[in-house]
């Protein structure tokens, strides 16, 4: 891998991080990179966004349930 290729990859990551921040996705760089790769492989972006939203809801529900169980 050349120095130029490393610079290009870093530039793309910074661009993606900026887009993520602008869209307020809340994704970390690793998760964002995975999502970008999935979309590049043909995954429907809207379907992917729906899955992420559902996973967040389920995670939040589990956290709330865990807190309630700890309080009992």
N, C-alpha and C. Protein backbone atom coordinates (compact mmCIF):
# COMPACT_ATOMS: atom_id res chain seq x y z
N UNK A 1 0.86 -1.17 0.00
CA UNK A 1 0.00 0.00 0.00
C UNK A 1 0.91 1.24 0.00
N UNK A 2 0.56 2.18 -0.84
CA UNK A 2 1.39 3.37 -0.98
C UNK A 2 0.95 4.46 -0.01
N UNK A 3 1.81 5.43 0.15
CA UNK A 3 1.50 6.58 1.01
C UNK A 3 0.26 7.31 0.49
N UNK A 4 0.17 7.43 -0.81
CA UNK A 4 -0.99 8.10 -1.43
C UNK A 4 -2.29 7.36 -1.11
N UNK A 5 -2.26 6.03 -1.18
CA UNK A 5 -3.46 5.23 -0.88
C UNK A 5 -3.87 5.40 0.58
N UNK A 6 -2.90 5.47 1.47
CA UNK A 6 -3.20 5.70 2.89
C UNK A 6 -3.86 7.05 3.07
N UNK A 7 -3.33 8.07 2.39
CA UNK A 7 -3.93 9.41 2.47
C UNK A 7 -5.36 9.42 1.94
N UNK A 8 -5.60 8.68 0.85
CA UNK A 8 -6.95 8.60 0.28
C UNK A 8 -7.92 7.93 1.25
N UNK A 9 -7.49 6.84 1.86
CA UNK A 9 -8.34 6.12 2.83
C UNK A 9 -8.66 7.04 4.00
N UNK A 10 -7.65 7.73 4.53
CA UNK A 10 -7.88 8.65 5.65
C UNK A 10 -8.83 9.77 5.26
N UNK A 11 -8.70 10.27 4.04
CA UNK A 11 -9.58 11.33 3.55
C UNK A 11 -11.03 10.84 3.47
N UNK A 12 -11.20 9.63 2.97
CA UNK A 12 -12.54 9.05 2.86
C UNK A 12 -13.14 8.85 4.24
N UNK A 13 -12.35 8.37 5.19
CA UNK A 13 -12.84 8.16 6.56
C UNK A 13 -13.26 9.49 7.20
N UNK A 14 -12.46 10.53 6.99
CA UNK A 14 -12.80 11.84 7.54
C UNK A 14 -14.08 12.37 6.91
N UNK A 15 -14.24 12.16 5.61
CA UNK A 15 -15.47 12.57 4.92
C UNK A 15 -16.67 11.84 5.50
N UNK A 16 -16.53 10.52 5.66
CA UNK A 16 -17.63 9.73 6.20
C UNK A 16 -17.97 10.14 7.62
N UNK A 17 -16.93 10.43 8.42
CA UNK A 17 -17.16 10.87 9.80
C UNK A 17 -17.91 12.20 9.81
N UNK A 18 -17.55 13.09 8.91
CA UNK A 18 -18.24 14.38 8.80
C UNK A 18 -19.70 14.20 8.40
N UNK A 19 -19.94 13.31 7.45
CA UNK A 19 -21.32 13.02 7.02
C UNK A 19 -22.11 12.44 8.18
N UNK A 20 -21.48 11.52 8.91
CA UNK A 20 -22.14 10.90 10.06
C UNK A 20 -22.53 11.95 11.09
N UNK A 21 -21.61 12.88 11.36
CA UNK A 21 -21.89 13.94 12.32
C UNK A 21 -23.02 14.83 11.83
N UNK A 22 -22.98 15.20 10.56
CA UNK A 22 -24.03 16.05 10.00
C UNK A 22 -25.40 15.40 10.07
N UNK A 23 -25.43 14.11 9.83
CA UNK A 23 -26.70 13.37 9.85
C UNK A 23 -27.07 12.90 11.25
N UNK A 24 -26.18 13.14 12.21
CA UNK A 24 -26.42 12.76 13.60
C UNK A 24 -26.76 11.28 13.72
N UNK A 25 -25.92 10.45 13.10
CA UNK A 25 -26.18 9.01 13.12
C UNK A 25 -25.85 8.37 14.45
N UNK A 26 -24.87 8.95 15.16
CA UNK A 26 -24.46 8.36 16.42
C UNK A 26 -23.60 7.12 16.25
N UNK A 27 -23.18 6.84 15.02
CA UNK A 27 -22.35 5.66 14.76
C UNK A 27 -20.89 5.99 15.01
N UNK A 28 -20.17 5.02 15.59
CA UNK A 28 -18.72 5.19 15.72
C UNK A 28 -18.10 4.89 14.36
N UNK A 29 -16.80 5.17 14.24
CA UNK A 29 -16.13 5.00 12.94
C UNK A 29 -16.18 3.56 12.43
N UNK A 30 -16.02 2.60 13.32
CA UNK A 30 -16.05 1.21 12.88
C UNK A 30 -17.43 0.83 12.34
N UNK A 31 -18.48 1.22 13.07
CA UNK A 31 -19.85 0.91 12.63
C UNK A 31 -20.16 1.63 11.32
N UNK A 32 -19.74 2.88 11.22
CA UNK A 32 -19.97 3.64 10.00
C UNK A 32 -19.26 2.98 8.82
N UNK A 33 -18.03 2.55 9.03
CA UNK A 33 -17.28 1.88 7.95
C UNK A 33 -17.99 0.61 7.50
N UNK A 34 -18.50 -0.14 8.46
CA UNK A 34 -19.23 -1.37 8.12
C UNK A 34 -20.47 -1.03 7.30
N UNK A 35 -21.20 -0.01 7.71
CA UNK A 35 -22.41 0.39 6.97
C UNK A 35 -22.07 0.83 5.55
N UNK A 36 -21.01 1.61 5.40
CA UNK A 36 -20.59 2.06 4.07
C UNK A 36 -20.23 0.87 3.20
N UNK A 37 -19.47 -0.08 3.77
CA UNK A 37 -19.10 -1.27 2.99
C UNK A 37 -20.33 -2.08 2.59
N UNK A 38 -21.29 -2.21 3.50
CA UNK A 38 -22.52 -2.94 3.17
C UNK A 38 -23.27 -2.26 2.03
N UNK A 39 -23.35 -0.95 2.08
CA UNK A 39 -24.03 -0.21 1.00
C UNK A 39 -23.27 -0.36 -0.32
N UNK A 40 -21.96 -0.33 -0.26
CA UNK A 40 -21.15 -0.52 -1.47
C UNK A 40 -21.35 -1.91 -2.06
N UNK A 41 -21.72 -2.87 -1.21
CA UNK A 41 -21.94 -4.25 -1.67
C UNK A 41 -23.38 -4.46 -2.14
N UNK A 42 -24.20 -3.40 -2.08
CA UNK A 42 -25.55 -3.50 -2.62
C UNK A 42 -26.67 -3.55 -1.60
N UNK A 43 -26.35 -3.47 -0.32
CA UNK A 43 -27.40 -3.45 0.70
C UNK A 43 -28.21 -2.17 0.57
N UNK A 44 -29.50 -2.28 0.66
CA UNK A 44 -30.38 -1.11 0.58
C UNK A 44 -30.15 -0.21 1.80
N UNK A 45 -29.73 1.05 1.58
CA UNK A 45 -29.44 1.95 2.70
C UNK A 45 -30.63 2.18 3.63
N UNK A 46 -31.84 2.27 3.06
CA UNK A 46 -33.02 2.49 3.90
C UNK A 46 -33.30 1.28 4.78
N UNK A 47 -33.12 0.09 4.22
CA UNK A 47 -33.32 -1.13 5.01
C UNK A 47 -32.27 -1.22 6.11
N UNK A 48 -31.04 -0.87 5.79
CA UNK A 48 -29.98 -0.87 6.79
C UNK A 48 -30.28 0.11 7.91
N UNK A 49 -30.74 1.30 7.54
CA UNK A 49 -31.11 2.30 8.55
C UNK A 49 -32.23 1.78 9.44
N UNK A 50 -33.20 1.10 8.86
CA UNK A 50 -34.31 0.53 9.65
C UNK A 50 -33.80 -0.50 10.64
N UNK A 51 -32.90 -1.34 10.20
CA UNK A 51 -32.34 -2.37 11.09
C UNK A 51 -31.59 -1.71 12.24
N UNK A 52 -30.81 -0.68 11.94
CA UNK A 52 -30.05 0.02 12.99
C UNK A 52 -31.01 0.66 13.99
N UNK A 53 -32.07 1.29 13.49
CA UNK A 53 -33.06 1.91 14.40
C UNK A 53 -33.72 0.86 15.29
N UNK A 54 -34.08 -0.28 14.72
CA UNK A 54 -34.71 -1.35 15.51
C UNK A 54 -33.75 -1.90 16.55
N UNK A 55 -32.49 -2.06 16.16
CA UNK A 55 -31.49 -2.55 17.12
C UNK A 55 -31.31 -1.56 18.27
N UNK A 56 -31.33 -0.28 17.95
CA UNK A 56 -31.22 0.73 19.01
C UNK A 56 -32.42 0.68 19.95
N UNK A 57 -33.61 0.54 19.39
CA UNK A 57 -34.81 0.43 20.23
C UNK A 57 -34.74 -0.79 21.14
N UNK A 58 -34.33 -1.92 20.56
CA UNK A 58 -34.24 -3.15 21.34
C UNK A 58 -33.17 -3.02 22.43
N UNK A 59 -32.06 -2.40 22.11
CA UNK A 59 -31.00 -2.19 23.09
C UNK A 59 -31.49 -1.31 24.24
N UNK A 60 -32.18 -0.25 23.89
CA UNK A 60 -32.71 0.66 24.92
C UNK A 60 -33.73 -0.06 25.80
N UNK A 61 -34.58 -0.87 25.19
CA UNK A 61 -35.58 -1.62 25.97
C UNK A 61 -34.89 -2.59 26.93
N UNK A 62 -33.82 -3.23 26.47
CA UNK A 62 -33.08 -4.13 27.34
C UNK A 62 -32.41 -3.39 28.50
N UNK A 63 -31.90 -2.21 28.22
CA UNK A 63 -31.29 -1.40 29.29
C UNK A 63 -32.32 -1.02 30.33
N UNK A 64 -33.48 -0.58 29.88
CA UNK A 64 -34.55 -0.19 30.80
C UNK A 64 -34.99 -1.40 31.63
N UNK A 65 -35.16 -2.54 30.97
CA UNK A 65 -35.56 -3.76 31.68
C UNK A 65 -34.51 -4.15 32.72
N UNK A 66 -33.25 -4.04 32.35
CA UNK A 66 -32.17 -4.39 33.26
C UNK A 66 -32.18 -3.48 34.49
N UNK A 67 -32.42 -2.20 34.28
CA UNK A 67 -32.48 -1.24 35.39
C UNK A 67 -33.63 -1.59 36.31
N UNK A 68 -34.79 -1.91 35.74
CA UNK A 68 -35.94 -2.28 36.55
C UNK A 68 -35.69 -3.54 37.37
N UNK A 69 -35.00 -4.50 36.75
CA UNK A 69 -34.70 -5.73 37.49
C UNK A 69 -33.71 -5.47 38.63
N UNK A 70 -32.78 -4.57 38.41
CA UNK A 70 -31.81 -4.23 39.46
C UNK A 70 -32.49 -3.53 40.63
N UNK A 71 -33.55 -2.77 40.35
CA UNK A 71 -34.23 -2.02 41.39
C UNK A 71 -35.16 -2.90 42.22
N UNK A 72 -35.51 -4.06 41.72
CA UNK A 72 -36.45 -4.94 42.45
C UNK A 72 -35.77 -5.65 43.57
